[in-house]
């Protein structure tokens, strides 16, 4: 065996080898460097994280940039939900930071203006 190489256990038939632990990604959301919160995020925060990730990835991101009315309505709804969320404010603020440019560039500008 060569030095520096790790040795992997054999894969059993029908057993996936992922090597990953199930963690709550939402727990690690911050606007800057910070340790994860001690408590897990609420279900509402987890749903909003999913909605934000949907808005910032294809194909929905292209629909926002093309100013599709349904996509812009969804963007505005997520923005409003994050602003009105009372629990997990630090996580809601991190998500607002994630989508704030999309809201400013596409949802708040008249249709004829380009960002």
PDB file of N, CA and C in Angstrom:
ATOM      1  N   UNK A   1       0.848  -1.163   0.000  1.00  0.00           N
ATOM      2  CA  UNK A   1       0.000   0.000   0.000  1.00  0.00           C
ATOM      3  C   UNK A   1       0.898   1.232   0.000  1.00  0.00           C
ATOM      4  N   UNK A   2       0.558   2.223  -0.828  1.00  0.00           N
ATOM      5  CA  UNK A   2       1.338   3.450  -0.921  1.00  0.00           C
ATOM      6  C   UNK A   2       1.026   4.374   0.244  1.00  0.00           C
ATOM      7  N   UNK A   3       2.007   5.136   0.640  1.00  0.00           N
ATOM      8  CA  UNK A   3       1.829   6.105   1.721  1.00  0.00           C
ATOM      9  C   UNK A   3       0.942   7.230   1.218  1.00  0.00           C
ATOM     10  N   UNK A   4       0.023   7.693   2.076  1.00  0.00           N
ATOM     11  CA  UNK A   4      -0.835   8.814   1.722  1.00  0.00           C
ATOM     12  C   UNK A   4      -2.150   8.423   1.080  1.00  0.00           C
ATOM     13  N   UNK A   5      -2.308   7.177   0.754  1.00  0.00           N
ATOM     14  CA  UNK A   5      -3.584   6.744   0.179  1.00  0.00           C
ATOM     15  C   UNK A   5      -4.436   6.133   1.272  1.00  0.00           C
ATOM     16  N   UNK A   6      -5.689   6.440   1.221  1.00  0.00           N
ATOM     17  CA  UNK A   6      -6.586   5.861   2.217  1.00  0.00           C
ATOM     18  C   UNK A   6      -7.086   4.515   1.709  1.00  0.00           C
ATOM     19  N   UNK A   7      -7.366   3.692   2.609  1.00  0.00           N
ATOM     20  CA  UNK A   7      -7.862   2.364   2.258  1.00  0.00           C
ATOM     21  C   UNK A   7      -9.365   2.334   2.495  1.00  0.00           C
ATOM     22  N   UNK A   8     -10.119   1.942   1.499  1.00  0.00           N
ATOM     23  CA  UNK A   8     -11.575   1.922   1.619  1.00  0.00           C
ATOM     24  C   UNK A   8     -12.056   0.519   1.930  1.00  0.00           C
ATOM     25  N   UNK A   9     -13.115   0.486   2.689  1.00  0.00           N
ATOM     26  CA  UNK A   9     -13.740  -0.802   3.002  1.00  0.00           C
ATOM     27  C   UNK A   9     -14.457  -1.306   1.756  1.00  0.00           C
ATOM     28  N   UNK A  10     -14.499  -2.596   1.571  1.00  0.00           N
ATOM     29  CA  UNK A  10     -15.210  -3.129   0.400  1.00  0.00           C
ATOM     30  C   UNK A  10     -16.697  -2.802   0.471  1.00  0.00           C
ATOM     31  N   UNK A  11     -17.283  -2.611  -0.689  1.00  0.00           N
ATOM     32  CA  UNK A  11     -18.704  -2.299  -0.763  1.00  0.00           C
ATOM     33  C   UNK A  11     -19.486  -3.595  -0.791  1.00  0.00           C
ATOM     34  N   UNK A  12     -20.457  -3.695   0.080  1.00  0.00           N
ATOM     35  CA  UNK A  12     -21.318  -4.874   0.092  1.00  0.00           C
ATOM     36  C   UNK A  12     -22.398  -4.713  -0.967  1.00  0.00           C
ATOM     37  N   UNK A  13     -22.756  -5.780  -1.637  1.00  0.00           N
ATOM     38  CA  UNK A  13     -23.815  -5.687  -2.655  1.00  0.00           C
ATOM     39  C   UNK A  13     -25.103  -5.124  -2.046  1.00  0.00           C
ATOM     40  N   UNK A  14     -25.711  -4.184  -2.763  1.00  0.00           N
ATOM     41  CA  UNK A  14     -26.964  -3.591  -2.305  1.00  0.00           C
ATOM     42  C   UNK A  14     -26.780  -2.534  -1.239  1.00  0.00           C
ATOM     43  N   UNK A  15     -25.528  -2.187  -0.927  1.00  0.00           N
ATOM     44  CA  UNK A  15     -25.242  -1.193   0.096  1.00  0.00           C
ATOM     45  C   UNK A  15     -24.601   0.039  -0.541  1.00  0.00           C
ATOM     46  N   UNK A  16     -25.252   1.192  -0.500  1.00  0.00           N
ATOM     47  CA  UNK A  16     -24.629   2.363  -1.100  1.00  0.00           C
ATOM     48  C   UNK A  16     -23.441   2.830  -0.261  1.00  0.00           C
ATOM     49  N   UNK A  17     -22.436   3.327  -0.916  1.00  0.00           N
ATOM     50  CA  UNK A  17     -21.291   3.887  -0.196  1.00  0.00           C
ATOM     51  C   UNK A  17     -21.327   5.393  -0.414  1.00  0.00           C
ATOM     52  N   UNK A  18     -21.812   6.108   0.571  1.00  0.00           N
ATOM     53  CA  UNK A  18     -21.898   7.546   0.450  1.00  0.00           C
ATOM     54  C   UNK A  18     -20.864   8.238   1.308  1.00  0.00           C
ATOM     55  N   UNK A  19     -20.610   7.714   2.486  1.00  0.00           N
ATOM     56  CA  UNK A  19     -19.640   8.348   3.360  1.00  0.00           C
ATOM     57  C   UNK A  19     -20.096   9.684   3.893  1.00  0.00           C
ATOM     58  N   UNK A  20     -21.357   9.957   3.828  1.00  0.00           N
ATOM     59  CA  UNK A  20     -21.872  11.245   4.292  1.00  0.00           C
ATOM     60  C   UNK A  20     -22.798  11.050   5.464  1.00  0.00           C
ATOM     61  N   UNK A  21     -22.777  12.023   6.307  1.00  0.00           N
ATOM     62  CA  UNK A  21     -23.657  12.029   7.457  1.00  0.00           C
ATOM     63  C   UNK A  21     -24.841  12.932   7.166  1.00  0.00           C
ATOM     64  N   UNK A  22     -25.973  12.605   7.667  1.00  0.00           N
ATOM     65  CA  UNK A  22     -27.146  13.441   7.472  1.00  0.00           C
ATOM     66  C   UNK A  22     -27.075  14.618   8.439  1.00  0.00           C
ATOM     67  N   UNK A  23     -26.985  15.835   7.880  1.00  0.00           N
ATOM     68  CA  UNK A  23     -26.929  17.037   8.716  1.00  0.00           C
ATOM     69  C   UNK A  23     -27.959  18.034   8.203  1.00  0.00           C
ATOM     70  N   UNK A  24     -28.252  18.989   9.020  1.00  0.00           N
ATOM     71  CA  UNK A  24     -29.164  20.046   8.620  1.00  0.00           C
ATOM     72  C   UNK A  24     -28.349  21.188   8.036  1.00  0.00           C
ATOM     73  N   UNK A  25     -28.418  21.349   6.726  1.00  0.00           N
ATOM     74  CA  UNK A  25     -27.674  22.413   6.062  1.00  0.00           C
ATOM     75  C   UNK A  25     -28.139  23.771   6.557  1.00  0.00           C
ATOM     76  N   UNK A  26     -29.424  23.918   6.810  1.00  0.00           N
ATOM     77  CA  UNK A  26     -29.967  25.201   7.256  1.00  0.00           C
ATOM     78  C   UNK A  26     -29.317  25.672   8.549  1.00  0.00           C
ATOM     79  N   UNK A  27     -28.837  24.754   9.337  1.00  0.00           N
ATOM     80  CA  UNK A  27     -28.213  25.112  10.614  1.00  0.00           C
ATOM     81  C   UNK A  27     -26.931  25.918  10.416  1.00  0.00           C
ATOM     82  N   UNK A  28     -26.306  25.789   9.262  1.00  0.00           N
ATOM     83  CA  UNK A  28     -25.026  26.440   9.007  1.00  0.00           C
ATOM     84  C   UNK A  28     -25.149  27.745   8.219  1.00  0.00           C
ATOM     85  N   UNK A  29     -26.350  28.260   8.030  1.00  0.00           N
ATOM     86  CA  UNK A  29     -26.544  29.522   7.318  1.00  0.00           C
ATOM     87  C   UNK A  29     -26.121  30.696   8.188  1.00  0.00           C
ATOM     88  N   UNK A  30     -25.288  31.565   7.646  1.00  0.00           N
ATOM     89  CA  UNK A  30     -24.913  32.793   8.348  1.00  0.00           C
ATOM     90  C   UNK A  30     -24.680  33.877   7.317  1.00  0.00           C
ATOM     91  N   UNK A  31     -24.651  35.125   7.771  1.00  0.00           N
ATOM     92  CA  UNK A  31     -24.306  36.234   6.880  1.00  0.00           C
ATOM     93  C   UNK A  31     -22.807  36.492   6.919  1.00  0.00           C
ATOM     94  N   UNK A  32     -22.091  35.895   7.823  1.00  0.00           N
ATOM     95  CA  UNK A  32     -20.640  36.000   7.941  1.00  0.00           C
ATOM     96  C   UNK A  32     -20.154  34.769   8.664  1.00  0.00           C
ATOM     97  N   UNK A  33     -18.894  34.754   9.057  1.00  0.00           N
ATOM     98  CA  UNK A  33     -18.387  33.590   9.764  1.00  0.00           C
ATOM     99  C   UNK A  33     -19.014  33.525  11.145  1.00  0.00           C
ATOM    100  N   UNK A  34     -19.593  32.417  11.465  1.00  0.00           N
ATOM    101  CA  UNK A  34     -20.189  32.200  12.780  1.00  0.00           C
ATOM    102  C   UNK A  34     -20.328  30.703  12.999  1.00  0.00           C
ATOM    103  N   UNK A  35     -20.320  30.328  14.237  1.00  0.00           N
ATOM    104  CA  UNK A  35     -20.539  28.922  14.576  1.00  0.00           C
ATOM    105  C   UNK A  35     -22.010  28.587  14.340  1.00  0.00           C
ATOM    106  N   UNK A  36     -22.311  27.352  14.004  1.00  0.00           N
ATOM    107  CA  UNK A  36     -23.724  26.987  13.806  1.00  0.00           C
ATOM    108  C   UNK A  36     -24.500  27.132  15.102  1.00  0.00           C
ATOM    109  N   UNK A  37     -25.771  27.437  14.967  1.00  0.00           N
ATOM    110  CA  UNK A  37     -26.616  27.577  16.143  1.00  0.00           C
ATOM    111  C   UNK A  37     -26.752  26.258  16.883  1.00  0.00           C
ATOM    112  N   UNK A  38     -26.980  26.326  18.185  1.00  0.00           N
ATOM    113  CA  UNK A  38     -27.083  25.091  18.961  1.00  0.00           C
ATOM    114  C   UNK A  38     -28.370  24.326  18.691  1.00  0.00           C
ATOM    115  N   UNK A  39     -29.412  25.021  18.288  1.00  0.00           N
ATOM    116  CA  UNK A  39     -30.704  24.387  18.038  1.00  0.00           C
ATOM    117  C   UNK A  39     -30.937  24.248  16.537  1.00  0.00           C
ATOM    118  N   UNK A  40     -31.624  23.226  16.134  1.00  0.00           N
ATOM    119  CA  UNK A  40     -31.920  23.085  14.705  1.00  0.00           C
ATOM    120  C   UNK A  40     -32.919  24.150  14.256  1.00  0.00           C
ATOM    121  N   UNK A  41     -32.884  24.518  12.981  1.00  0.00           N
ATOM    122  CA  UNK A  41     -33.837  25.506  12.476  1.00  0.00           C
ATOM    123  C   UNK A  41     -35.253  24.943  12.461  1.00  0.00           C
ATOM    124  N   UNK A  42     -36.199  25.847  12.462  1.00  0.00           N
ATOM    125  CA  UNK A  42     -37.604  25.441  12.437  1.00  0.00           C
ATOM    126  C   UNK A  42     -37.957  24.867  11.063  1.00  0.00           C
ATOM    127  N   UNK A  43     -39.044  24.122  10.987  1.00  0.00           N
ATOM    128  CA  UNK A  43     -39.491  23.612   9.681  1.00  0.00           C
ATOM    129  C   UNK A  43     -39.753  24.739   8.673  1.00  0.00           C
ATOM    130  N   UNK A  44     -40.241  25.885   9.150  1.00  0.00           N
ATOM    131  CA  UNK A  44     -40.485  27.022   8.246  1.00  0.00           C
ATOM    132  C   UNK A  44     -39.176  27.511   7.626  1.00  0.00           C
ATOM    133  N   UNK A  45     -38.124  27.567   8.425  1.00  0.00           N
ATOM    134  CA  UNK A  45     -36.821  27.997   7.910  1.00  0.00           C
ATOM    135  C   UNK A  45     -36.293  27.007   6.891  1.00  0.00           C
ATOM    136  N   UNK A  46     -36.481  25.735   7.148  1.00  0.00           N
ATOM    137  CA  UNK A  46     -36.033  24.723   6.195  1.00  0.00           C
ATOM    138  C   UNK A  46     -36.769  24.838   4.864  1.00  0.00           C
ATOM    139  N   UNK A  47     -38.078  25.093   4.934  1.00  0.00           N
ATOM    140  CA  UNK A  47     -38.853  25.262   3.698  1.00  0.00           C
ATOM    141  C   UNK A  47     -38.379  26.501   2.941  1.00  0.00           C
ATOM    142  N   UNK A  48     -38.091  27.580   3.662  1.00  0.00           N
ATOM    143  CA  UNK A  48     -37.626  28.804   3.007  1.00  0.00           C
ATOM    144  C   UNK A  48     -36.237  28.615   2.398  1.00  0.00           C
ATOM    145  N   UNK A  49     -35.386  27.829   3.036  1.00  0.00           N
ATOM    146  CA  UNK A  49     -34.085  27.520   2.445  1.00  0.00           C
ATOM    147  C   UNK A  49     -34.284  26.805   1.113  1.00  0.00           C
ATOM    148  N   UNK A  50     -35.166  25.834   1.088  1.00  0.00           N
ATOM    149  CA  UNK A  50     -35.443  25.111  -0.159  1.00  0.00           C
ATOM    150  C   UNK A  50     -35.961  26.063  -1.228  1.00  0.00           C
ATOM    151  N   UNK A  51     -36.865  26.964  -0.848  1.00  0.00           N
ATOM    152  CA  UNK A  51     -37.417  27.927  -1.807  1.00  0.00           C
ATOM    153  C   UNK A  51     -36.328  28.855  -2.337  1.00  0.00           C
ATOM    154  N   UNK A  52     -35.423  29.308  -1.466  1.00  0.00           N
ATOM    155  CA  UNK A  52     -34.330  30.188  -1.900  1.00  0.00           C
ATOM    156  C   UNK A  52     -33.368  29.460  -2.832  1.00  0.00           C
ATOM    157  N   UNK A  53     -33.055  28.224  -2.504  1.00  0.00           N
ATOM    158  CA  UNK A  53     -32.165  27.464  -3.379  1.00  0.00           C
ATOM    159  C   UNK A  53     -32.807  27.210  -4.733  1.00  0.00           C
ATOM    160  N   UNK A  54     -34.114  26.986  -4.748  1.00  0.00           N
ATOM    161  CA  UNK A  54     -34.822  26.828  -6.022  1.00  0.00           C
ATOM    162  C   UNK A  54     -34.716  28.100  -6.859  1.00  0.00           C
ATOM    163  N   UNK A  55     -34.857  29.257  -6.209  1.00  0.00           N
ATOM    164  CA  UNK A  55     -34.828  30.536  -6.914  1.00  0.00           C
ATOM    165  C   UNK A  55     -33.441  30.898  -7.431  1.00  0.00           C
ATOM    166  N   UNK A  56     -32.419  30.350  -6.836  1.00  0.00           N
ATOM    167  CA  UNK A  56     -31.057  30.724  -7.228  1.00  0.00           C
ATOM    168  C   UNK A  56     -30.364  29.666  -8.079  1.00  0.00           C
ATOM    169  N   UNK A  57     -31.108  28.674  -8.532  1.00  0.00           N
ATOM    170  CA  UNK A  57     -30.547  27.644  -9.413  1.00  0.00           C
ATOM    171  C   UNK A  57     -31.434  27.490 -10.644  1.00  0.00           C
ATOM    172  N   UNK A  58     -30.868  26.892 -11.674  1.00  0.00           N
ATOM    173  CA  UNK A  58     -31.629  26.688 -12.900  1.00  0.00           C
ATOM    174  C   UNK A  58     -32.641  25.579 -12.684  1.00  0.00           C
ATOM    175  N   UNK A  59     -33.737  25.590 -13.333  1.00  0.00           N
ATOM    176  CA  UNK A  59     -34.208  26.493 -14.372  1.00  0.00           C
ATOM    177  C   UNK A  59     -34.955  27.715 -13.836  1.00  0.00           C
ATOM    178  N   UNK A  60     -35.314  27.711 -12.543  1.00  0.00           N
ATOM    179  CA  UNK A  60     -36.109  28.824 -12.011  1.00  0.00           C
ATOM    180  C   UNK A  60     -35.348  30.148 -12.054  1.00  0.00           C
ATOM    181  N   UNK A  61     -34.041  30.122 -11.882  1.00  0.00           N
ATOM    182  CA  UNK A  61     -33.258  31.351 -11.958  1.00  0.00           C
ATOM    183  C   UNK A  61     -33.412  31.995 -13.330  1.00  0.00           C
ATOM    184  N   UNK A  62     -33.406  31.190 -14.384  1.00  0.00           N
ATOM    185  CA  UNK A  62     -33.599  31.734 -15.733  1.00  0.00           C
ATOM    186  C   UNK A  62     -34.981  32.352 -15.886  1.00  0.00           C
ATOM    187  N   UNK A  63     -35.969  31.750 -15.271  1.00  0.00           N
ATOM    188  CA  UNK A  63     -37.318  32.312 -15.345  1.00  0.00           C
ATOM    189  C   UNK A  63     -37.396  33.654 -14.621  1.00  0.00           C
ATOM    190  N   UNK A  64     -36.701  33.782 -13.495  1.00  0.00           N
ATOM    191  CA  UNK A  64     -36.650  35.069 -12.779  1.00  0.00           C
ATOM    192  C   UNK A  64     -35.965  36.107 -13.656  1.00  0.00           C
ATOM    193  N   UNK A  65     -34.834  35.736 -14.243  1.00  0.00           N
ATOM    194  CA  UNK A  65     -34.097  36.680 -15.083  1.00  0.00           C
ATOM    195  C   UNK A  65     -34.872  37.059 -16.336  1.00  0.00           C
ATOM    196  N   UNK A  66     -35.711  36.150 -16.835  1.00  0.00           N
ATOM    197  CA  UNK A  66     -36.565  36.455 -17.984  1.00  0.00           C
ATOM    198  C   UNK A  66     -37.835  37.188 -17.570  1.00  0.00           C
ATOM    199  N   UNK A  67     -37.952  37.455 -16.275  1.00  0.00           N
ATOM    200  CA  UNK A  67     -39.097  38.176 -15.694  1.00  0.00           C
ATOM    201  C   UNK A  67     -40.422  37.458 -15.928  1.00  0.00           C
ATOM    202  N   UNK A  68     -40.388  36.160 -15.811  1.00  0.00           N
ATOM    203  CA  UNK A  68     -41.608  35.365 -15.882  1.00  0.00           C
ATOM    204  C   UNK A  68     -42.487  35.768 -14.688  1.00  0.00           C
ATOM    205  N   UNK A  69     -43.742  36.186 -14.919  1.00  0.00           N
ATOM    206  CA  UNK A  69     -44.588  36.663 -13.822  1.00  0.00           C
ATOM    207  C   UNK A  69     -44.757  35.660 -12.678  1.00  0.00           C
ATOM    208  N   UNK A  70     -44.883  34.385 -12.989  1.00  0.00           N
ATOM    209  CA  UNK A  70     -45.038  33.377 -11.932  1.00  0.00           C
ATOM    210  C   UNK A  70     -43.761  33.265 -11.097  1.00  0.00           C
ATOM    211  N   UNK A  71     -42.609  33.314 -11.745  1.00  0.00           N
ATOM    212  CA  UNK A  71     -41.337  33.228 -11.017  1.00  0.00           C
ATOM    213  C   UNK A  71     -41.124  34.472 -10.157  1.00  0.00           C
ATOM    214  N   UNK A  72     -41.466  35.646 -10.676  1.00  0.00           N
ATOM    215  CA  UNK A  72     -41.327  36.878  -9.888  1.00  0.00           C
ATOM    216  C   UNK A  72     -42.285  36.884  -8.704  1.00  0.00           C
ATOM    217  N   UNK A  73     -43.492  36.351  -8.900  1.00  0.00           N
ATOM    218  CA  UNK A  73     -44.442  36.258  -7.786  1.00  0.00           C
ATOM    219  C   UNK A  73     -43.890  35.329  -6.707  1.00  0.00           C
ATOM    220  N   UNK A  74     -43.280  34.251  -7.129  1.00  0.00           N
ATOM    221  CA  UNK A  74     -42.672  33.315  -6.174  1.00  0.00           C
ATOM    222  C   UNK A  74     -41.517  33.982  -5.422  1.00  0.00           C
ATOM    223  N   UNK A  75     -40.683  34.746  -6.144  1.00  0.00           N
ATOM    224  CA  UNK A  75     -39.577  35.475  -5.526  1.00  0.00           C
ATOM    225  C   UNK A  75     -40.095  36.480  -4.496  1.00  0.00           C
ATOM    226  N   UNK A  76     -41.119  37.230  -4.856  1.00  0.00           N
ATOM    227  CA  UNK A  76     -41.694  38.202  -3.916  1.00  0.00           C
ATOM    228  C   UNK A  76     -42.297  37.512  -2.696  1.00  0.00           C
ATOM    229  N   UNK A  77     -42.942  36.373  -2.908  1.00  0.00           N
ATOM    230  CA  UNK A  77     -43.553  35.640  -1.791  1.00  0.00           C
ATOM    231  C   UNK A  77     -42.492  35.133  -0.817  1.00  0.00           C
ATOM    232  N   UNK A  78     -41.392  34.625  -1.342  1.00  0.00           N
ATOM    233  CA  UNK A  78     -40.308  34.146  -0.470  1.00  0.00           C
ATOM    234  C   UNK A  78     -39.686  35.319   0.274  1.00  0.00           C
ATOM    235  N   UNK A  79     -39.466  36.428  -0.424  1.00  0.00           N
ATOM    236  CA  UNK A  79     -38.907  37.619   0.208  1.00  0.00           C
ATOM    237  C   UNK A  79     -39.805  38.089   1.352  1.00  0.00           C
ATOM    238  N   UNK A  80     -41.100  38.154   1.112  1.00  0.00           N
ATOM    239  CA  UNK A  80     -42.045  38.583   2.146  1.00  0.00           C
ATOM    240  C   UNK A  80     -42.086  37.601   3.314  1.00  0.00           C
ATOM    241  N   UNK A  81     -42.065  36.318   3.020  1.00  0.00           N
ATOM    242  CA  UNK A  81     -42.083  35.310   4.084  1.00  0.00           C
ATOM    243  C   UNK A  81     -40.837  35.422   4.963  1.00  0.00           C
ATOM    244  N   UNK A  82     -39.697  35.674   4.347  1.00  0.00           N
ATOM    245  CA  UNK A  82     -38.461  35.833   5.131  1.00  0.00           C
ATOM    246  C   UNK A  82     -38.496  37.095   5.986  1.00  0.00           C
ATOM    247  N   UNK A  83     -39.035  38.172   5.445  1.00  0.00           N
ATOM    248  CA  UNK A  83     -39.109  39.432   6.205  1.00  0.00           C
ATOM    249  C   UNK A  83     -40.077  39.333   7.380  1.00  0.00           C
ATOM    250  N   UNK A  84     -41.127  38.543   7.232  1.00  0.00           N
ATOM    251  CA  UNK A  84     -42.132  38.461   8.303  1.00  0.00           C
ATOM    252  C   UNK A  84     -41.889  37.307   9.275  1.00  0.00           C
ATOM    253  N   UNK A  85     -40.907  36.467   9.010  1.00  0.00           N
ATOM    254  CA  UNK A  85     -40.633  35.342   9.900  1.00  0.00           C
ATOM    255  C   UNK A  85     -40.066  35.846  11.221  1.00  0.00           C
ATOM    256  N   UNK A  86     -40.673  35.433  12.310  1.00  0.00           N
ATOM    257  CA  UNK A  86     -40.247  35.880  13.635  1.00  0.00           C
ATOM    258  C   UNK A  86     -39.171  34.974  14.238  1.00  0.00           C
ATOM    259  N   UNK A  87     -39.290  33.667  13.983  1.00  0.00           N
ATOM    260  CA  UNK A  87     -38.319  32.742  14.558  1.00  0.00           C
ATOM    261  C   UNK A  87     -37.100  32.619  13.640  1.00  0.00           C
ATOM    262  N   UNK A  88     -35.999  32.207  14.203  1.00  0.00           N
ATOM    263  CA  UNK A  88     -34.762  31.991  13.436  1.00  0.00           C
ATOM    264  C   UNK A  88     -34.355  33.225  12.636  1.00  0.00           C
ATOM    265  N   UNK A  89     -34.391  34.398  13.249  1.00  0.00           N
ATOM    266  CA  UNK A  89     -34.108  35.632  12.522  1.00  0.00           C
ATOM    267  C   UNK A  89     -32.722  35.630  11.882  1.00  0.00           C
ATOM    268  N   UNK A  90     -31.728  35.088  12.564  1.00  0.00           N
ATOM    269  CA  UNK A  90     -30.381  35.100  11.983  1.00  0.00           C
ATOM    270  C   UNK A  90     -30.327  34.273  10.704  1.00  0.00           C
ATOM    271  N   UNK A  91     -31.063  33.178  10.656  1.00  0.00           N
ATOM    272  CA  UNK A  91     -31.099  32.366   9.445  1.00  0.00           C
ATOM    273  C   UNK A  91     -31.945  33.039   8.364  1.00  0.00           C
ATOM    274  N   UNK A  92     -33.037  33.670   8.769  1.00  0.00           N
ATOM    275  CA  UNK A  92     -33.863  34.392   7.794  1.00  0.00           C
ATOM    276  C   UNK A  92     -33.070  35.536   7.169  1.00  0.00           C
ATOM    277  N   UNK A  93     -32.258  36.233   7.974  1.00  0.00           N
ATOM    278  CA  UNK A  93     -31.436  37.324   7.432  1.00  0.00           C
ATOM    279  C   UNK A  93     -30.393  36.808   6.450  1.00  0.00           C
ATOM    280  N   UNK A  94     -29.829  35.651   6.723  1.00  0.00           N
ATOM    281  CA  UNK A  94     -28.857  35.064   5.795  1.00  0.00           C
ATOM    282  C   UNK A  94     -29.530  34.718   4.469  1.00  0.00           C
ATOM    283  N   UNK A  95     -30.736  34.193   4.529  1.00  0.00           N
ATOM    284  CA  UNK A  95     -31.466  33.865   3.299  1.00  0.00           C
ATOM    285  C   UNK A  95     -31.885  35.126   2.546  1.00  0.00           C
ATOM    286  N   UNK A  96     -32.258  36.170   3.287  1.00  0.00           N
ATOM    287  CA  UNK A  96     -32.580  37.443   2.637  1.00  0.00           C
ATOM    288  C   UNK A  96     -31.369  37.981   1.888  1.00  0.00           C
ATOM    289  N   UNK A  97     -30.194  37.856   2.493  1.00  0.00           N
ATOM    290  CA  UNK A  97     -28.973  38.303   1.821  1.00  0.00           C
ATOM    291  C   UNK A  97     -28.752  37.517   0.532  1.00  0.00           C
ATOM    292  N   UNK A  98     -29.110  36.242   0.541  1.00  0.00           N
ATOM    293  CA  UNK A  98     -28.939  35.385  -0.630  1.00  0.00           C
ATOM    294  C   UNK A  98     -29.807  35.846  -1.801  1.00  0.00           C
ATOM    295  N   UNK A  99     -31.048  36.229  -1.533  1.00  0.00           N
ATOM    296  CA  UNK A  99     -31.957  36.574  -2.636  1.00  0.00           C
ATOM    297  C   UNK A  99     -32.142  38.074  -2.842  1.00  0.00           C
ATOM    298  N   UNK A 100     -31.512  38.907  -2.022  1.00  0.00           N
ATOM    299  CA  UNK A 100     -31.749  40.353  -2.097  1.00  0.00           C
ATOM    300  C   UNK A 100     -31.408  40.942  -3.460  1.00  0.00           C
ATOM    301  N   UNK A 101     -30.329  40.503  -4.091  1.00  0.00           N
ATOM    302  CA  UNK A 101     -29.984  41.033  -5.409  1.00  0.00           C
ATOM    303  C   UNK A 101     -31.010  40.648  -6.459  1.00  0.00           C
ATOM    304  N   UNK A 102     -31.541  39.442  -6.370  1.00  0.00           N
ATOM    305  CA  UNK A 102     -32.581  39.037  -7.316  1.00  0.00           C
ATOM    306  C   UNK A 102     -33.822  39.909  -7.155  1.00  0.00           C
ATOM    307  N   UNK A 103     -34.201  40.162  -5.912  1.00  0.00           N
ATOM    308  CA  UNK A 103     -35.382  40.998  -5.663  1.00  0.00           C
ATOM    309  C   UNK A 103     -35.144  42.399  -6.205  1.00  0.00           C
ATOM    310  N   UNK A 104     -33.981  42.965  -5.899  1.00  0.00           N
ATOM    311  CA  UNK A 104     -33.668  44.326  -6.343  1.00  0.00           C
ATOM    312  C   UNK A 104     -33.576  44.414  -7.866  1.00  0.00           C
ATOM    313  N   UNK A 105     -32.908  43.455  -8.480  1.00  0.00           N
ATOM    314  CA  UNK A 105     -32.670  43.526  -9.925  1.00  0.00           C
ATOM    315  C   UNK A 105     -33.862  43.139 -10.784  1.00  0.00           C
ATOM    316  N   UNK A 106     -34.713  42.243 -10.287  1.00  0.00           N
ATOM    317  CA  UNK A 106     -35.778  41.730 -11.146  1.00  0.00           C
ATOM    318  C   UNK A 106     -37.182  41.992 -10.632  1.00  0.00           C
ATOM    319  N   UNK A 107     -37.418  41.856  -9.349  1.00  0.00           N
ATOM    320  CA  UNK A 107     -38.781  42.000  -8.831  1.00  0.00           C
ATOM    321  C   UNK A 107     -39.146  43.457  -8.572  1.00  0.00           C
ATOM    322  N   UNK A 108     -38.163  44.296  -8.241  1.00  0.00           N
ATOM    323  CA  UNK A 108     -38.455  45.687  -7.894  1.00  0.00           C
ATOM    324  C   UNK A 108     -38.335  46.655  -9.059  1.00  0.00           C
ATOM    325  N   UNK A 109     -37.730  46.243 -10.157  1.00  0.00           N
ATOM    326  CA  UNK A 109     -37.534  47.148 -11.308  1.00  0.00           C
ATOM    327  C   UNK A 109     -38.674  47.005 -12.299  1.00  0.00           C
ATOM    328  N   UNK A 110     -39.003  48.096 -12.963  1.00  0.00           N
ATOM    329  CA  UNK A 110     -39.990  47.992 -14.038  1.00  0.00           C
ATOM    330  C   UNK A 110     -39.473  47.055 -15.135  1.00  0.00           C
ATOM    331  N   UNK A 111     -40.375  46.466 -15.864  1.00  0.00           N
ATOM    332  CA  UNK A 111     -40.037  45.445 -16.855  1.00  0.00           C
ATOM    333  C   UNK A 111     -39.073  45.939 -17.912  1.00  0.00           C
ATOM    334  N   UNK A 112     -39.132  47.190 -18.318  1.00  0.00           N
ATOM    335  CA  UNK A 112     -38.275  47.696 -19.383  1.00  0.00           C
ATOM    336  C   UNK A 112     -36.830  47.911 -18.977  1.00  0.00           C
ATOM    337  N   UNK A 113     -36.540  48.010 -17.679  1.00  0.00           N
ATOM    338  CA  UNK A 113     -35.175  48.265 -17.213  1.00  0.00           C
ATOM    339  C   UNK A 113     -34.409  46.962 -17.037  1.00  0.00           C
ATOM    340  N   UNK A 114     -33.161  46.986 -17.458  1.00  0.00           N
ATOM    341  CA  UNK A 114     -32.288  45.824 -17.286  1.00  0.00           C
ATOM    342  C   UNK A 114     -31.372  46.077 -16.091  1.00  0.00           C
ATOM    343  N   UNK A 115     -31.041  45.016 -15.343  1.00  0.00           N
ATOM    344  CA  UNK A 115     -30.123  45.201 -14.198  1.00  0.00           C
ATOM    345  C   UNK A 115     -28.709  45.502 -14.664  1.00  0.00           C
TER     346      UNK A 115
END
